[in-house]
């Protein structure tokens, strides 16, 4: 049980820090500066128009999915770059194969018009 003590200490400290960070703003916040305009739904001065639940164009979803795919592949670069001196040529060529597959996918999406907005 003693080997789990550092994990328990870490959990207790993280819980305390989280509670402190959540509680401190309530100490400094005041309700005296609130006024009806501040509490309204739109603070910019414009009356709301249209329905907030309107449909979005499917291209927004497509662009967000493509962004996630190409953004997540960047996360593979950092550990690869850090350990490149230990993995030698096999690691280098493995990443080049990964980049080739990624580039082929990017060119395919480009050719299919997934990146065209109009």
PDB file of N, CA and C in Angstrom:
ATOM      1  N   UNK A   1       0.817  -1.201   0.000  1.00  0.00           N
ATOM      2  CA  UNK A   1       0.000   0.000   0.000  1.00  0.00           C
ATOM      3  C   UNK A   1       0.859   1.261   0.000  1.00  0.00           C
ATOM      4  N   UNK A   2       2.058   1.131   0.479  1.00  0.00           N
ATOM      5  CA  UNK A   2       2.951   2.281   0.568  1.00  0.00           C
ATOM      6  C   UNK A   2       3.378   2.783  -0.809  1.00  0.00           C
ATOM      7  N   UNK A   3       3.396   1.885  -1.793  1.00  0.00           N
ATOM      8  CA  UNK A   3       3.808   2.320  -3.130  1.00  0.00           C
ATOM      9  C   UNK A   3       2.759   3.207  -3.799  1.00  0.00           C
ATOM     10  N   UNK A   4       1.528   3.204  -3.285  1.00  0.00           N
ATOM     11  CA  UNK A   4       0.483   4.058  -3.841  1.00  0.00           C
ATOM     12  C   UNK A   4       0.391   5.409  -3.145  1.00  0.00           C
ATOM     13  N   UNK A   5       1.221   5.656  -2.169  1.00  0.00           N
ATOM     14  CA  UNK A   5       1.186   6.919  -1.421  1.00  0.00           C
ATOM     15  C   UNK A   5       1.445   8.131  -2.308  1.00  0.00           C
ATOM     16  N   UNK A   6       2.427   8.099  -3.216  1.00  0.00           N
ATOM     17  CA  UNK A   6       2.615   9.283  -4.069  1.00  0.00           C
ATOM     18  C   UNK A   6       1.407   9.578  -4.955  1.00  0.00           C
ATOM     19  N   UNK A   7       0.731   8.541  -5.420  1.00  0.00           N
ATOM     20  CA  UNK A   7      -0.461   8.755  -6.248  1.00  0.00           C
ATOM     21  C   UNK A   7      -1.566   9.383  -5.403  1.00  0.00           C
ATOM     22  N   UNK A   8      -1.739   8.899  -4.196  1.00  0.00           N
ATOM     23  CA  UNK A   8      -2.752   9.464  -3.312  1.00  0.00           C
ATOM     24  C   UNK A   8      -2.438  10.919  -2.981  1.00  0.00           C
ATOM     25  N   UNK A   9      -1.190  11.217  -2.695  1.00  0.00           N
ATOM     26  CA  UNK A   9      -0.782  12.597  -2.397  1.00  0.00           C
ATOM     27  C   UNK A   9      -1.037  13.493  -3.605  1.00  0.00           C
ATOM     28  N   UNK A  10      -0.706  12.994  -4.790  1.00  0.00           N
ATOM     29  CA  UNK A  10      -0.943  13.758  -6.020  1.00  0.00           C
ATOM     30  C   UNK A  10      -2.430  14.041  -6.201  1.00  0.00           C
ATOM     31  N   UNK A  11      -3.283  13.049  -5.970  1.00  0.00           N
ATOM     32  CA  UNK A  11      -4.724  13.248  -6.109  1.00  0.00           C
ATOM     33  C   UNK A  11      -5.258  14.248  -5.096  1.00  0.00           C
ATOM     34  N   UNK A  12      -4.781  14.186  -3.872  1.00  0.00           N
ATOM     35  CA  UNK A  12      -5.232  15.124  -2.843  1.00  0.00           C
ATOM     36  C   UNK A  12      -4.801  16.548  -3.190  1.00  0.00           C
ATOM     37  N   UNK A  13      -3.555  16.706  -3.608  1.00  0.00           N
ATOM     38  CA  UNK A  13      -3.064  18.049  -3.967  1.00  0.00           C
ATOM     39  C   UNK A  13      -3.821  18.591  -5.174  1.00  0.00           C
ATOM     40  N   UNK A  14      -4.059  17.748  -6.166  1.00  0.00           N
ATOM     41  CA  UNK A  14      -4.779  18.230  -7.348  1.00  0.00           C
ATOM     42  C   UNK A  14      -6.215  18.589  -7.009  1.00  0.00           C
ATOM     43  N   UNK A  15      -6.844  17.844  -6.113  1.00  0.00           N
ATOM     44  CA  UNK A  15      -8.197  18.187  -5.687  1.00  0.00           C
ATOM     45  C   UNK A  15      -8.207  19.514  -4.935  1.00  0.00           C
ATOM     46  N   UNK A  16      -7.259  19.725  -4.057  1.00  0.00           N
ATOM     47  CA  UNK A  16      -7.180  20.988  -3.312  1.00  0.00           C
ATOM     48  C   UNK A  16      -6.927  22.175  -4.241  1.00  0.00           C
ATOM     49  N   UNK A  17      -6.005  22.017  -5.172  1.00  0.00           N
ATOM     50  CA  UNK A  17      -5.728  23.112  -6.118  1.00  0.00           C
ATOM     51  C   UNK A  17      -6.962  23.412  -6.956  1.00  0.00           C
ATOM     52  N   UNK A  18      -7.665  22.380  -7.389  1.00  0.00           N
ATOM     53  CA  UNK A  18      -8.880  22.588  -8.184  1.00  0.00           C
ATOM     54  C   UNK A  18      -9.941  23.325  -7.383  1.00  0.00           C
ATOM     55  N   UNK A  19     -10.150  22.915  -6.149  1.00  0.00           N
ATOM     56  CA  UNK A  19     -11.147  23.595  -5.321  1.00  0.00           C
ATOM     57  C   UNK A  19     -10.756  25.035  -5.020  1.00  0.00           C
ATOM     58  N   UNK A  20      -9.481  25.284  -4.807  1.00  0.00           N
ATOM     59  CA  UNK A  20      -9.023  26.657  -4.570  1.00  0.00           C
ATOM     60  C   UNK A  20      -9.246  27.507  -5.806  1.00  0.00           C
ATOM     61  N   UNK A  21      -8.899  26.966  -6.976  1.00  0.00           N
ATOM     62  CA  UNK A  21      -9.083  27.731  -8.211  1.00  0.00           C
ATOM     63  C   UNK A  21     -10.557  27.968  -8.525  1.00  0.00           C
ATOM     64  N   UNK A  22     -11.410  27.070  -8.115  1.00  0.00           N
ATOM     65  CA  UNK A  22     -12.840  27.292  -8.312  1.00  0.00           C
ATOM     66  C   UNK A  22     -13.425  28.251  -7.285  1.00  0.00           C
ATOM     67  N   UNK A  23     -12.867  28.278  -6.083  1.00  0.00           N
ATOM     68  CA  UNK A  23     -13.423  29.092  -5.017  1.00  0.00           C
ATOM     69  C   UNK A  23     -12.944  30.516  -4.958  1.00  0.00           C
ATOM     70  N   UNK A  24     -11.731  30.792  -5.402  1.00  0.00           N
ATOM     71  CA  UNK A  24     -11.163  32.136  -5.308  1.00  0.00           C
ATOM     72  C   UNK A  24     -11.998  33.181  -6.059  1.00  0.00           C
ATOM     73  N   UNK A  25     -12.512  32.917  -7.255  1.00  0.00           N
ATOM     74  CA  UNK A  25     -13.314  33.958  -7.918  1.00  0.00           C
ATOM     75  C   UNK A  25     -14.546  34.376  -7.126  1.00  0.00           C
ATOM     76  N   UNK A  26     -15.128  33.480  -6.326  1.00  0.00           N
ATOM     77  CA  UNK A  26     -16.290  33.850  -5.524  1.00  0.00           C
ATOM     78  C   UNK A  26     -15.927  34.826  -4.412  1.00  0.00           C
ATOM     79  N   UNK A  27     -14.676  34.832  -3.986  1.00  0.00           N
ATOM     80  CA  UNK A  27     -14.255  35.781  -2.964  1.00  0.00           C
ATOM     81  C   UNK A  27     -14.180  37.207  -3.505  1.00  0.00           C
ATOM     82  N   UNK A  28     -13.811  37.344  -4.771  1.00  0.00           N
ATOM     83  CA  UNK A  28     -13.612  38.666  -5.356  1.00  0.00           C
ATOM     84  C   UNK A  28     -14.793  39.151  -6.184  1.00  0.00           C
ATOM     85  N   UNK A  29     -15.722  38.281  -6.476  1.00  0.00           N
ATOM     86  CA  UNK A  29     -16.875  38.675  -7.289  1.00  0.00           C
ATOM     87  C   UNK A  29     -17.869  39.434  -6.430  1.00  0.00           C
ATOM     88  N   UNK A  30     -18.508  40.411  -7.045  1.00  0.00           N
ATOM     89  CA  UNK A  30     -19.539  41.160  -6.323  1.00  0.00           C
ATOM     90  C   UNK A  30     -20.781  41.228  -7.194  1.00  0.00           C
ATOM     91  N   UNK A  31     -21.911  41.307  -6.563  1.00  0.00           N
ATOM     92  CA  UNK A  31     -23.174  41.402  -7.288  1.00  0.00           C
ATOM     93  C   UNK A  31     -23.632  42.839  -7.437  1.00  0.00           C
ATOM     94  N   UNK A  32     -22.886  43.791  -6.895  1.00  0.00           N
ATOM     95  CA  UNK A  32     -23.314  45.186  -6.924  1.00  0.00           C
ATOM     96  C   UNK A  32     -23.188  45.812  -8.306  1.00  0.00           C
ATOM     97  N   UNK A  33     -22.341  45.258  -9.172  1.00  0.00           N
ATOM     98  CA  UNK A  33     -22.133  45.868 -10.484  1.00  0.00           C
ATOM     99  C   UNK A  33     -23.045  45.279 -11.547  1.00  0.00           C
ATOM    100  N   UNK A  34     -23.980  44.440 -11.173  1.00  0.00           N
ATOM    101  CA  UNK A  34     -24.869  43.863 -12.177  1.00  0.00           C
ATOM    102  C   UNK A  34     -26.014  44.823 -12.458  1.00  0.00           C
ATOM    103  N   UNK A  35     -26.400  44.872 -13.699  1.00  0.00           N
ATOM    104  CA  UNK A  35     -27.519  45.687 -14.139  1.00  0.00           C
ATOM    105  C   UNK A  35     -28.227  44.922 -15.242  1.00  0.00           C
ATOM    106  N   UNK A  36     -29.438  45.268 -15.565  1.00  0.00           N
ATOM    107  CA  UNK A  36     -30.245  44.451 -16.487  1.00  0.00           C
ATOM    108  C   UNK A  36     -29.589  44.229 -17.855  1.00  0.00           C
ATOM    109  N   UNK A  37     -28.917  45.246 -18.371  1.00  0.00           N
ATOM    110  CA  UNK A  37     -28.276  45.076 -19.673  1.00  0.00           C
ATOM    111  C   UNK A  37     -27.143  44.056 -19.600  1.00  0.00           C
ATOM    112  N   UNK A  38     -26.458  44.044 -18.487  1.00  0.00           N
ATOM    113  CA  UNK A  38     -25.364  43.103 -18.311  1.00  0.00           C
ATOM    114  C   UNK A  38     -25.889  41.671 -18.215  1.00  0.00           C
ATOM    115  N   UNK A  39     -27.033  41.513 -17.634  1.00  0.00           N
ATOM    116  CA  UNK A  39     -27.604  40.186 -17.459  1.00  0.00           C
ATOM    117  C   UNK A  39     -28.412  39.717 -18.659  1.00  0.00           C
ATOM    118  N   UNK A  40     -28.581  40.571 -19.669  1.00  0.00           N
ATOM    119  CA  UNK A  40     -29.347  40.151 -20.841  1.00  0.00           C
ATOM    120  C   UNK A  40     -28.547  39.137 -21.654  1.00  0.00           C
ATOM    121  N   UNK A  41     -29.267  38.453 -22.541  1.00  0.00           N
ATOM    122  CA  UNK A  41     -28.637  37.368 -23.298  1.00  0.00           C
ATOM    123  C   UNK A  41     -27.553  37.883 -24.237  1.00  0.00           C
ATOM    124  N   UNK A  42     -27.761  39.033 -24.821  1.00  0.00           N
ATOM    125  CA  UNK A  42     -26.799  39.572 -25.776  1.00  0.00           C
ATOM    126  C   UNK A  42     -26.297  40.907 -25.260  1.00  0.00           C
ATOM    127  N   UNK A  43     -25.039  40.969 -24.969  1.00  0.00           N
ATOM    128  CA  UNK A  43     -24.445  42.158 -24.388  1.00  0.00           C
ATOM    129  C   UNK A  43     -24.014  43.158 -25.454  1.00  0.00           C
ATOM    130  N   UNK A  44     -24.052  42.771 -26.735  1.00  0.00           N
ATOM    131  CA  UNK A  44     -23.517  43.621 -27.798  1.00  0.00           C
ATOM    132  C   UNK A  44     -24.451  44.769 -28.150  1.00  0.00           C
ATOM    133  N   UNK A  45     -25.688  44.753 -27.674  1.00  0.00           N
ATOM    134  CA  UNK A  45     -26.595  45.848 -27.965  1.00  0.00           C
ATOM    135  C   UNK A  45     -27.600  45.523 -29.043  1.00  0.00           C
ATOM    136  N   UNK A  46     -27.432  44.427 -29.738  1.00  0.00           N
ATOM    137  CA  UNK A  46     -28.363  44.033 -30.784  1.00  0.00           C
ATOM    138  C   UNK A  46     -29.431  43.115 -30.209  1.00  0.00           C
ATOM    139  N   UNK A  47     -30.644  43.291 -30.679  1.00  0.00           N
ATOM    140  CA  UNK A  47     -31.697  42.369 -30.293  1.00  0.00           C
ATOM    141  C   UNK A  47     -31.453  41.030 -30.980  1.00  0.00           C
ATOM    142  N   UNK A  48     -31.704  39.946 -30.282  1.00  0.00           N
ATOM    143  CA  UNK A  48     -31.504  38.641 -30.915  1.00  0.00           C
ATOM    144  C   UNK A  48     -32.470  38.453 -32.077  1.00  0.00           C
ATOM    145  N   UNK A  49     -31.967  37.869 -33.133  1.00  0.00           N
ATOM    146  CA  UNK A  49     -32.819  37.609 -34.283  1.00  0.00           C
ATOM    147  C   UNK A  49     -32.553  36.178 -34.757  1.00  0.00           C
ATOM    148  N   UNK A  50     -33.559  35.559 -35.259  1.00  0.00           N
ATOM    149  CA  UNK A  50     -33.417  34.190 -35.737  1.00  0.00           C
ATOM    150  C   UNK A  50     -33.431  33.200 -34.588  1.00  0.00           C
ATOM    151  N   UNK A  51     -33.367  31.946 -34.950  1.00  0.00           N
ATOM    152  CA  UNK A  51     -33.376  30.874 -33.963  1.00  0.00           C
ATOM    153  C   UNK A  51     -31.946  30.448 -33.674  1.00  0.00           C
ATOM    154  N   UNK A  52     -31.648  30.263 -32.418  1.00  0.00           N
ATOM    155  CA  UNK A  52     -30.297  29.836 -32.033  1.00  0.00           C
ATOM    156  C   UNK A  52     -30.038  28.393 -32.436  1.00  0.00           C
ATOM    157  N   UNK A  53     -31.074  27.664 -32.730  1.00  0.00           N
ATOM    158  CA  UNK A  53     -30.931  26.257 -33.098  1.00  0.00           C
ATOM    159  C   UNK A  53     -30.990  26.065 -34.613  1.00  0.00           C
ATOM    160  N   UNK A  54     -30.494  27.021 -35.347  1.00  0.00           N
ATOM    161  CA  UNK A  54     -30.503  26.895 -36.802  1.00  0.00           C
ATOM    162  C   UNK A  54     -29.469  25.873 -37.249  1.00  0.00           C
ATOM    163  N   UNK A  55     -29.688  25.325 -38.416  1.00  0.00           N
ATOM    164  CA  UNK A  55     -28.780  24.307 -38.940  1.00  0.00           C
ATOM    165  C   UNK A  55     -27.530  24.963 -39.514  1.00  0.00           C
ATOM    166  N   UNK A  56     -26.418  24.252 -39.315  1.00  0.00           N
ATOM    167  CA  UNK A  56     -25.157  24.694 -39.870  1.00  0.00           C
ATOM    168  C   UNK A  56     -24.916  23.972 -41.181  1.00  0.00           C
ATOM    169  N   UNK A  57     -24.164  24.619 -42.025  1.00  0.00           N
ATOM    170  CA  UNK A  57     -23.771  23.981 -43.275  1.00  0.00           C
ATOM    171  C   UNK A  57     -22.866  22.795 -42.963  1.00  0.00           C
ATOM    172  N   UNK A  58     -22.997  21.731 -43.704  1.00  0.00           N
ATOM    173  CA  UNK A  58     -22.219  20.521 -43.465  1.00  0.00           C
ATOM    174  C   UNK A  58     -20.726  20.774 -43.650  1.00  0.00           C
ATOM    175  N   UNK A  59     -20.371  21.799 -44.381  1.00  0.00           N
ATOM    176  CA  UNK A  59     -18.951  22.089 -44.605  1.00  0.00           C
ATOM    177  C   UNK A  59     -18.235  22.473 -43.315  1.00  0.00           C
ATOM    178  N   UNK A  60     -18.952  23.072 -42.361  1.00  0.00           N
ATOM    179  CA  UNK A  60     -18.340  23.377 -41.069  1.00  0.00           C
ATOM    180  C   UNK A  60     -17.889  22.100 -40.379  1.00  0.00           C
ATOM    181  N   UNK A  61     -18.748  21.086 -40.412  1.00  0.00           N
ATOM    182  CA  UNK A  61     -18.401  19.812 -39.783  1.00  0.00           C
ATOM    183  C   UNK A  61     -17.248  19.143 -40.518  1.00  0.00           C
ATOM    184  N   UNK A  62     -17.283  19.204 -41.829  1.00  0.00           N
ATOM    185  CA  UNK A  62     -16.224  18.579 -42.620  1.00  0.00           C
ATOM    186  C   UNK A  62     -14.878  19.233 -42.350  1.00  0.00           C
ATOM    187  N   UNK A  63     -14.865  20.552 -42.309  1.00  0.00           N
ATOM    188  CA  UNK A  63     -13.616  21.264 -42.037  1.00  0.00           C
ATOM    189  C   UNK A  63     -13.131  20.951 -40.626  1.00  0.00           C
ATOM    190  N   UNK A  64     -14.047  20.861 -39.668  1.00  0.00           N
ATOM    191  CA  UNK A  64     -13.612  20.563 -38.302  1.00  0.00           C
ATOM    192  C   UNK A  64     -13.055  19.150 -38.190  1.00  0.00           C
ATOM    193  N   UNK A  65     -13.645  18.192 -38.873  1.00  0.00           N
ATOM    194  CA  UNK A  65     -13.123  16.826 -38.837  1.00  0.00           C
ATOM    195  C   UNK A  65     -11.762  16.769 -39.508  1.00  0.00           C
ATOM    196  N   UNK A  66     -11.616  17.446 -40.638  1.00  0.00           N
ATOM    197  CA  UNK A  66     -10.311  17.457 -41.307  1.00  0.00           C
ATOM    198  C   UNK A  66      -9.260  18.141 -40.449  1.00  0.00           C
ATOM    199  N   UNK A  67      -9.656  19.202 -39.753  1.00  0.00           N
ATOM    200  CA  UNK A  67      -8.717  19.867 -38.865  1.00  0.00           C
ATOM    201  C   UNK A  67      -8.267  18.934 -37.750  1.00  0.00           C
ATOM    202  N   UNK A  68      -9.211  18.208 -37.167  1.00  0.00           N
ATOM    203  CA  UNK A  68      -8.860  17.284 -36.095  1.00  0.00           C
ATOM    204  C   UNK A  68      -7.904  16.217 -36.598  1.00  0.00           C
ATOM    205  N   UNK A  69      -8.179  15.675 -37.771  1.00  0.00           N
ATOM    206  CA  UNK A  69      -7.309  14.627 -38.323  1.00  0.00           C
ATOM    207  C   UNK A  69      -5.900  15.163 -38.535  1.00  0.00           C
ATOM    208  N   UNK A  70      -5.773  16.294 -39.190  1.00  0.00           N
ATOM    209  CA  UNK A  70      -4.444  16.815 -39.493  1.00  0.00           C
ATOM    210  C   UNK A  70      -3.785  17.467 -38.282  1.00  0.00           C
ATOM    211  N   UNK A  71      -4.571  17.841 -37.301  1.00  0.00           N
ATOM    212  CA  UNK A  71      -3.984  18.389 -36.087  1.00  0.00           C
ATOM    213  C   UNK A  71      -3.464  17.276 -35.194  1.00  0.00           C
ATOM    214  N   UNK A  72      -4.175  16.185 -35.139  1.00  0.00           N
ATOM    215  CA  UNK A  72      -3.734  15.074 -34.302  1.00  0.00           C
ATOM    216  C   UNK A  72      -2.473  14.414 -34.838  1.00  0.00           C
ATOM    217  N   UNK A  73      -2.295  14.432 -36.141  1.00  0.00           N
ATOM    218  CA  UNK A  73      -1.072  13.820 -36.662  1.00  0.00           C
ATOM    219  C   UNK A  73       0.161  14.616 -36.269  1.00  0.00           C
ATOM    220  N   UNK A  74      -0.006  15.888 -35.990  1.00  0.00           N
ATOM    221  CA  UNK A  74       1.126  16.693 -35.549  1.00  0.00           C
ATOM    222  C   UNK A  74       1.602  16.233 -34.173  1.00  0.00           C
ATOM    223  N   UNK A  75       0.694  15.664 -33.384  1.00  0.00           N
ATOM    224  CA  UNK A  75       1.093  15.183 -32.066  1.00  0.00           C
ATOM    225  C   UNK A  75       2.068  14.017 -32.147  1.00  0.00           C
ATOM    226  N   UNK A  76       2.111  13.349 -33.280  1.00  0.00           N
ATOM    227  CA  UNK A  76       3.077  12.269 -33.451  1.00  0.00           C
ATOM    228  C   UNK A  76       4.479  12.792 -33.753  1.00  0.00           C
ATOM    229  N   UNK A  77       4.584  14.034 -34.194  1.00  0.00           N
ATOM    230  CA  UNK A  77       5.891  14.583 -34.533  1.00  0.00           C
ATOM    231  C   UNK A  77       6.772  14.831 -33.316  1.00  0.00           C
ATOM    232  N   UNK A  78       6.176  15.273 -32.222  1.00  0.00           N
ATOM    233  CA  UNK A  78       6.983  15.633 -31.058  1.00  0.00           C
ATOM    234  C   UNK A  78       7.710  14.439 -30.457  1.00  0.00           C
ATOM    235  N   UNK A  79       7.015  13.340 -30.140  1.00  0.00           N
ATOM    236  CA  UNK A  79       7.774  12.203 -29.604  1.00  0.00           C
ATOM    237  C   UNK A  79       8.756  11.624 -30.617  1.00  0.00           C
ATOM    238  N   UNK A  80       8.392  11.706 -31.881  1.00  0.00           N
ATOM    239  CA  UNK A  80       9.300  11.226 -32.922  1.00  0.00           C
ATOM    240  C   UNK A  80      10.567  12.075 -32.945  1.00  0.00           C
ATOM    241  N   UNK A  81      10.399  13.391 -32.869  1.00  0.00           N
ATOM    242  CA  UNK A  81      11.559  14.282 -32.916  1.00  0.00           C
ATOM    243  C   UNK A  81      12.426  14.128 -31.675  1.00  0.00           C
ATOM    244  N   UNK A  82      11.805  13.898 -30.534  1.00  0.00           N
ATOM    245  CA  UNK A  82      12.567  13.741 -29.298  1.00  0.00           C
ATOM    246  C   UNK A  82      13.379  12.449 -29.307  1.00  0.00           C
ATOM    247  N   UNK A  83      12.803  11.391 -29.837  1.00  0.00           N
ATOM    248  CA  UNK A  83      13.479  10.093 -29.790  1.00  0.00           C
ATOM    249  C   UNK A  83      14.154   9.720 -31.103  1.00  0.00           C
ATOM    250  N   UNK A  84      14.331  10.658 -31.995  1.00  0.00           N
ATOM    251  CA  UNK A  84      14.899  10.348 -33.310  1.00  0.00           C
ATOM    252  C   UNK A  84      16.315   9.808 -33.215  1.00  0.00           C
ATOM    253  N   UNK A  85      17.105  10.285 -32.264  1.00  0.00           N
ATOM    254  CA  UNK A  85      18.476   9.795 -32.158  1.00  0.00           C
ATOM    255  C   UNK A  85      18.545   8.367 -31.623  1.00  0.00           C
ATOM    256  N   UNK A  86      17.474   7.887 -31.003  1.00  0.00           N
ATOM    257  CA  UNK A  86      17.455   6.527 -30.475  1.00  0.00           C
ATOM    258  C   UNK A  86      16.845   5.514 -31.441  1.00  0.00           C
ATOM    259  N   UNK A  87      16.012   5.983 -32.365  1.00  0.00           N
ATOM    260  CA  UNK A  87      15.316   5.049 -33.243  1.00  0.00           C
ATOM    261  C   UNK A  87      15.977   4.901 -34.603  1.00  0.00           C
ATOM    262  N   UNK A  88      16.987   5.654 -34.842  1.00  0.00           N
ATOM    263  CA  UNK A  88      17.826   5.523 -36.042  1.00  0.00           C
ATOM    264  C   UNK A  88      17.026   5.613 -37.335  1.00  0.00           C
ATOM    265  N   UNK A  89      17.521   4.918 -38.365  1.00  0.00           N
ATOM    266  CA  UNK A  89      16.929   5.024 -39.698  1.00  0.00           C
ATOM    267  C   UNK A  89      15.547   4.371 -39.787  1.00  0.00           C
ATOM    268  N   UNK A  90      15.319   3.324 -39.021  1.00  0.00           N
ATOM    269  CA  UNK A  90      13.997   2.699 -39.050  1.00  0.00           C
ATOM    270  C   UNK A  90      12.916   3.671 -38.610  1.00  0.00           C
ATOM    271  N   UNK A  91      13.152   4.404 -37.552  1.00  0.00           N
ATOM    272  CA  UNK A  91      12.192   5.390 -37.080  1.00  0.00           C
ATOM    273  C   UNK A  91      12.020   6.532 -38.063  1.00  0.00           C
ATOM    274  N   UNK A  92      13.119   6.925 -38.676  1.00  0.00           N
ATOM    275  CA  UNK A  92      13.039   8.003 -39.665  1.00  0.00           C
ATOM    276  C   UNK A  92      12.170   7.586 -40.842  1.00  0.00           C
ATOM    277  N   UNK A  93      12.430   6.401 -41.378  1.00  0.00           N
ATOM    278  CA  UNK A  93      11.678   5.963 -42.558  1.00  0.00           C
ATOM    279  C   UNK A  93      10.248   5.579 -42.204  1.00  0.00           C
ATOM    280  N   UNK A  94      10.014   5.186 -40.976  1.00  0.00           N
ATOM    281  CA  UNK A  94       8.636   4.934 -40.538  1.00  0.00           C
ATOM    282  C   UNK A  94       7.836   6.234 -40.553  1.00  0.00           C
ATOM    283  N   UNK A  95       8.445   7.309 -40.084  1.00  0.00           N
ATOM    284  CA  UNK A  95       7.757   8.596 -40.111  1.00  0.00           C
ATOM    285  C   UNK A  95       7.590   9.102 -41.536  1.00  0.00           C
ATOM    286  N   UNK A  96       8.561   8.842 -42.391  1.00  0.00           N
ATOM    287  CA  UNK A  96       8.416   9.250 -43.786  1.00  0.00           C
ATOM    288  C   UNK A  96       7.265   8.490 -44.452  1.00  0.00           C
ATOM    289  N   UNK A  97       7.093   7.212 -44.119  1.00  0.00           N
ATOM    290  CA  UNK A  97       5.959   6.446 -44.649  1.00  0.00           C
ATOM    291  C   UNK A  97       4.641   7.012 -44.120  1.00  0.00           C
ATOM    292  N   UNK A  98       4.624   7.374 -42.841  1.00  0.00           N
ATOM    293  CA  UNK A  98       3.438   7.980 -42.250  1.00  0.00           C
ATOM    294  C   UNK A  98       3.113   9.295 -42.948  1.00  0.00           C
ATOM    295  N   UNK A  99       4.117  10.108 -43.191  1.00  0.00           N
ATOM    296  CA  UNK A  99       3.891  11.384 -43.879  1.00  0.00           C
ATOM    297  C   UNK A  99       3.455  11.178 -45.319  1.00  0.00           C
ATOM    298  N   UNK A 100       3.968  10.152 -45.964  1.00  0.00           N
ATOM    299  CA  UNK A 100       3.549   9.855 -47.337  1.00  0.00           C
ATOM    300  C   UNK A 100       2.068   9.475 -47.368  1.00  0.00           C
ATOM    301  N   UNK A 101       1.654   8.617 -46.455  1.00  0.00           N
ATOM    302  CA  UNK A 101       0.239   8.234 -46.391  1.00  0.00           C
ATOM    303  C   UNK A 101      -0.626   9.450 -46.073  1.00  0.00           C
ATOM    304  N   UNK A 102      -0.170  10.287 -45.171  1.00  0.00           N
ATOM    305  CA  UNK A 102      -0.903  11.496 -44.820  1.00  0.00           C
ATOM    306  C   UNK A 102      -0.991  12.453 -46.001  1.00  0.00           C
ATOM    307  N   UNK A 103       0.083  12.589 -46.738  1.00  0.00           N
ATOM    308  CA  UNK A 103       0.089  13.466 -47.910  1.00  0.00           C
ATOM    309  C   UNK A 103      -0.833  12.932 -48.991  1.00  0.00           C
ATOM    310  N   UNK A 104      -0.843  11.629 -49.190  1.00  0.00           N
ATOM    311  CA  UNK A 104      -1.748  11.038 -50.175  1.00  0.00           C
ATOM    312  C   UNK A 104      -3.199  11.297 -49.767  1.00  0.00           C
ATOM    313  N   UNK A 105      -3.495  11.155 -48.477  1.00  0.00           N
ATOM    314  CA  UNK A 105      -4.843  11.458 -47.998  1.00  0.00           C
ATOM    315  C   UNK A 105      -5.206  12.918 -48.188  1.00  0.00           C
ATOM    316  N   UNK A 106      -4.263  13.798 -47.924  1.00  0.00           N
ATOM    317  CA  UNK A 106      -4.505  15.235 -48.108  1.00  0.00           C
ATOM    318  C   UNK A 106      -4.758  15.558 -49.578  1.00  0.00           C
ATOM    319  N   UNK A 107      -3.956  14.987 -50.472  1.00  0.00           N
ATOM    320  CA  UNK A 107      -4.154  15.226 -51.913  1.00  0.00           C
ATOM    321  C   UNK A 107      -5.484  14.656 -52.393  1.00  0.00           C
ATOM    322  N   UNK A 108      -5.873  13.511 -51.849  1.00  0.00           N
ATOM    323  CA  UNK A 108      -7.168  12.925 -52.201  1.00  0.00           C
ATOM    324  C   UNK A 108      -8.309  13.842 -51.781  1.00  0.00           C
ATOM    325  N   UNK A 109      -8.237  14.376 -50.561  1.00  0.00           N
ATOM    326  CA  UNK A 109      -9.269  15.302 -50.094  1.00  0.00           C
ATOM    327  C   UNK A 109      -9.293  16.568 -50.941  1.00  0.00           C
ATOM    328  N   UNK A 110      -8.142  17.036 -51.304  1.00  0.00           N
ATOM    329  CA  UNK A 110      -8.048  18.230 -52.133  1.00  0.00           C
ATOM    330  C   UNK A 110      -8.663  17.969 -53.499  1.00  0.00           C
ATOM    331  N   UNK A 111      -8.342  16.807 -54.085  1.00  0.00           N
ATOM    332  CA  UNK A 111      -8.856  16.467 -55.402  1.00  0.00           C
ATOM    333  C   UNK A 111     -10.367  16.287 -55.370  1.00  0.00           C
ATOM    334  N   UNK A 112     -10.890  15.710 -54.291  1.00  0.00           N
ATOM    335  CA  UNK A 112     -12.333  15.480 -54.172  1.00  0.00           C
ATOM    336  C   UNK A 112     -13.091  16.770 -53.865  1.00  0.00           C
ATOM    337  N   UNK A 113     -12.382  17.854 -53.549  1.00  0.00           N
ATOM    338  CA  UNK A 113     -13.023  19.138 -53.291  1.00  0.00           C
ATOM    339  C   UNK A 113     -13.466  19.324 -51.860  1.00  0.00           C
ATOM    340  N   UNK A 114     -12.934  18.516 -50.937  1.00  0.00           N
ATOM    341  CA  UNK A 114     -13.330  18.641 -49.538  1.00  0.00           C
ATOM    342  C   UNK A 114     -12.842  19.948 -48.934  1.00  0.00           C
ATOM    343  N   UNK A 115     -11.825  20.537 -49.488  1.00  0.00           N
ATOM    344  CA  UNK A 115     -11.269  21.777 -48.944  1.00  0.00           C
ATOM    345  C   UNK A 115     -11.805  23.022 -49.638  1.00  0.00           C
ATOM    346  N   UNK A 116     -12.614  22.837 -50.699  1.00  0.00           N
ATOM    347  CA  UNK A 116     -13.210  23.965 -51.398  1.00  0.00           C
ATOM    348  C   UNK A 116     -14.444  24.428 -50.655  1.00  0.00           C
ATOM    349  N   UNK A 117     -14.535  25.711 -50.427  1.00  0.00           N
ATOM    350  CA  UNK A 117     -15.662  26.248 -49.679  1.00  0.00           C
ATOM    351  C   UNK A 117     -16.838  26.552 -50.594  1.00  0.00           C
ATOM    352  N   UNK A 118     -16.609  26.974 -51.754  1.00  0.00           N
ATOM    353  CA  UNK A 118     -17.700  27.312 -52.679  1.00  0.00           C
ATOM    354  C   UNK A 118     -18.005  26.202 -53.627  1.00  0.00           C
TER     355      UNK A 118
END
